[in-house]
Amino acid sequence: MQGTVATYNPLTRSGTLLLDDGDEIAFGAPAFDASGLRLLRPGQRVRVEHDESGQVSRVTLPTFQ
């Protein structure tokens, strides 16, 4: 699933994403930390991965595997 960064707080390493279907979801520091990224910018395209419970488990750039 892909979306766009709506907000990102570098101090807490968390933020919100606007998904392509119009839903807005939050992600926490563990999802950001799992990405290997250093920073996200509002408006940046990302790929979102979920765990079995439906929580965001990883936020990466669409070009990352």
N, C-alpha and C. Protein backbone atom coordinates (compact mmCIF):
# COMPACT_ATOMS: atom_id res chain seq x y z
N MET A 1 0.84 -1.15 0.00
CA MET A 1 0.00 0.00 0.00
C MET A 1 0.90 1.23 0.00
N GLN A 2 0.47 2.29 -0.68
CA GLN A 2 1.26 3.52 -0.73
C GLN A 2 0.44 4.71 -0.26
N GLY A 3 1.14 5.76 0.11
CA GLY A 3 0.50 6.98 0.56
C GLY A 3 1.49 8.13 0.56
N THR A 4 1.08 9.20 1.20
CA THR A 4 1.86 10.43 1.26
C THR A 4 2.01 10.84 2.72
N VAL A 5 3.20 11.30 3.08
CA VAL A 5 3.43 11.77 4.45
C VAL A 5 2.61 13.04 4.67
N ALA A 6 1.73 13.01 5.66
CA ALA A 6 0.94 14.19 6.02
C ALA A 6 1.69 15.00 7.08
N THR A 7 2.17 14.30 8.11
CA THR A 7 2.95 14.96 9.17
C THR A 7 4.07 14.04 9.59
N TYR A 8 5.15 14.63 10.07
CA TYR A 8 6.25 13.85 10.63
C TYR A 8 6.96 14.69 11.67
N ASN A 9 7.16 14.13 12.86
CA ASN A 9 7.87 14.79 13.95
C ASN A 9 9.21 14.09 14.15
N PRO A 10 10.33 14.74 13.80
CA PRO A 10 11.63 14.08 13.94
C PRO A 10 12.03 13.80 15.39
N LEU A 11 11.46 14.52 16.34
CA LEU A 11 11.79 14.28 17.75
C LEU A 11 11.18 12.97 18.25
N THR A 12 9.95 12.70 17.85
CA THR A 12 9.28 11.47 18.28
C THR A 12 9.39 10.36 17.23
N ARG A 13 9.84 10.71 16.03
CA ARG A 13 9.97 9.78 14.91
C ARG A 13 8.62 9.15 14.56
N SER A 14 7.55 9.91 14.67
CA SER A 14 6.21 9.43 14.38
C SER A 14 5.48 10.46 13.52
N GLY A 15 4.36 10.04 12.97
CA GLY A 15 3.61 10.97 12.14
C GLY A 15 2.33 10.35 11.62
N THR A 16 1.78 10.97 10.57
CA THR A 16 0.56 10.48 9.94
C THR A 16 0.78 10.40 8.44
N LEU A 17 0.05 9.47 7.83
CA LEU A 17 0.11 9.25 6.39
C LEU A 17 -1.28 9.36 5.81
N LEU A 18 -1.37 9.92 4.61
CA LEU A 18 -2.62 9.95 3.87
C LEU A 18 -2.49 8.88 2.79
N LEU A 19 -3.27 7.82 2.94
CA LEU A 19 -3.21 6.70 2.00
C LEU A 19 -3.89 7.07 0.69
N ASP A 20 -3.57 6.33 -0.35
CA ASP A 20 -4.14 6.59 -1.67
C ASP A 20 -5.66 6.46 -1.70
N ASP A 21 -6.22 5.66 -0.77
CA ASP A 21 -7.68 5.50 -0.73
C ASP A 21 -8.37 6.61 0.08
N GLY A 22 -7.57 7.58 0.59
CA GLY A 22 -8.13 8.71 1.33
C GLY A 22 -8.10 8.57 2.83
N ASP A 23 -7.78 7.37 3.34
CA ASP A 23 -7.70 7.17 4.79
C ASP A 23 -6.43 7.80 5.34
N GLU A 24 -6.50 8.30 6.54
CA GLU A 24 -5.33 8.82 7.24
C GLU A 24 -4.99 7.87 8.38
N ILE A 25 -3.72 7.46 8.45
CA ILE A 25 -3.30 6.56 9.50
C ILE A 25 -2.05 7.11 10.19
N ALA A 26 -1.88 6.74 11.44
CA ALA A 26 -0.72 7.17 12.21
C ALA A 26 0.33 6.06 12.22
N PHE A 27 1.58 6.46 12.35
CA PHE A 27 2.65 5.50 12.54
C PHE A 27 3.53 5.98 13.68
N GLY A 28 4.09 5.02 14.40
CA GLY A 28 4.93 5.33 15.55
C GLY A 28 6.41 5.16 15.23
N ALA A 29 7.23 5.45 16.22
CA ALA A 29 8.69 5.35 16.07
C ALA A 29 9.14 3.97 15.63
N PRO A 30 8.57 2.87 16.13
CA PRO A 30 9.05 1.55 15.67
C PRO A 30 8.89 1.36 14.16
N ALA A 31 7.81 1.85 13.57
CA ALA A 31 7.60 1.72 12.12
C ALA A 31 8.63 2.56 11.37
N PHE A 32 8.93 3.74 11.87
CA PHE A 32 9.95 4.58 11.23
C PHE A 32 11.32 3.95 11.41
N ASP A 33 11.63 3.48 12.59
CA ASP A 33 12.94 2.87 12.86
C ASP A 33 13.18 1.64 11.98
N ALA A 34 12.13 0.89 11.68
CA ALA A 34 12.27 -0.31 10.85
C ALA A 34 12.57 0.04 9.39
N SER A 35 12.37 1.30 9.02
CA SER A 35 12.55 1.69 7.63
C SER A 35 14.00 1.87 7.22
N GLY A 36 14.86 2.22 8.18
CA GLY A 36 16.24 2.54 7.85
C GLY A 36 16.42 3.95 7.33
N LEU A 37 15.35 4.73 7.30
CA LEU A 37 15.42 6.11 6.84
C LEU A 37 15.89 7.03 7.96
N ARG A 38 16.34 8.21 7.58
CA ARG A 38 16.74 9.20 8.58
C ARG A 38 15.71 10.29 8.77
N LEU A 39 14.90 10.54 7.75
CA LEU A 39 13.97 11.67 7.78
C LEU A 39 12.84 11.42 6.79
N LEU A 40 11.69 11.95 7.09
CA LEU A 40 10.57 12.01 6.15
C LEU A 40 10.13 13.46 6.02
N ARG A 41 9.63 13.81 4.85
CA ARG A 41 9.14 15.17 4.61
C ARG A 41 7.66 15.11 4.26
N PRO A 42 6.85 16.06 4.75
CA PRO A 42 5.45 16.12 4.32
C PRO A 42 5.38 16.19 2.80
N GLY A 43 4.46 15.41 2.23
CA GLY A 43 4.30 15.36 0.79
C GLY A 43 5.09 14.24 0.13
N GLN A 44 5.99 13.61 0.88
CA GLN A 44 6.82 12.54 0.34
C GLN A 44 6.00 11.26 0.17
N ARG A 45 6.20 10.56 -0.96
CA ARG A 45 5.53 9.29 -1.21
C ARG A 45 6.22 8.18 -0.43
N VAL A 46 5.43 7.30 0.17
CA VAL A 46 5.97 6.19 0.94
C VAL A 46 5.17 4.92 0.68
N ARG A 47 5.80 3.80 0.99
CA ARG A 47 5.13 2.50 0.97
C ARG A 47 4.90 2.11 2.42
N VAL A 48 3.74 1.57 2.73
CA VAL A 48 3.35 1.23 4.09
C VAL A 48 3.19 -0.28 4.21
N GLU A 49 3.80 -0.85 5.24
CA GLU A 49 3.64 -2.27 5.52
C GLU A 49 2.93 -2.41 6.87
N HIS A 50 2.04 -3.41 6.96
CA HIS A 50 1.27 -3.66 8.18
C HIS A 50 1.66 -5.01 8.77
N ASP A 51 1.51 -5.11 10.11
CA ASP A 51 1.71 -6.42 10.75
C ASP A 51 0.37 -7.16 10.77
N GLU A 52 0.35 -8.33 11.39
CA GLU A 52 -0.86 -9.15 11.41
C GLU A 52 -2.04 -8.49 12.12
N SER A 53 -1.73 -7.58 13.04
CA SER A 53 -2.81 -6.92 13.77
C SER A 53 -3.35 -5.68 13.04
N GLY A 54 -2.73 -5.33 11.90
CA GLY A 54 -3.18 -4.17 11.14
C GLY A 54 -2.44 -2.90 11.46
N GLN A 55 -1.52 -2.94 12.41
CA GLN A 55 -0.73 -1.76 12.77
C GLN A 55 0.38 -1.54 11.74
N VAL A 56 0.74 -0.28 11.52
CA VAL A 56 1.83 0.03 10.60
C VAL A 56 3.12 -0.50 11.20
N SER A 57 3.81 -1.36 10.46
CA SER A 57 5.05 -1.95 10.97
C SER A 57 6.29 -1.37 10.32
N ARG A 58 6.13 -0.74 9.15
CA ARG A 58 7.28 -0.19 8.44
C ARG A 58 6.82 0.84 7.42
N VAL A 59 7.54 1.95 7.35
CA VAL A 59 7.28 2.99 6.37
C VAL A 59 8.56 3.18 5.57
N THR A 60 8.52 2.92 4.26
CA THR A 60 9.72 3.02 3.43
C THR A 60 9.41 3.82 2.17
N LEU A 61 10.46 4.13 1.45
CA LEU A 61 10.28 4.77 0.14
C LEU A 61 9.82 3.71 -0.85
N PRO A 62 9.00 4.07 -1.82
CA PRO A 62 8.48 3.08 -2.77
C PRO A 62 9.58 2.33 -3.52
N THR A 63 10.74 2.90 -3.65
CA THR A 63 11.83 2.25 -4.39
C THR A 63 12.61 1.26 -3.54
N PHE A 64 12.43 1.27 -2.20
CA PHE A 64 13.12 0.33 -1.31
C PHE A 64 12.40 -1.00 -1.28
N GLN A 65 13.14 -2.07 -1.05
CA GLN A 65 12.52 -3.39 -0.93
C GLN A 65 12.55 -3.85 0.49
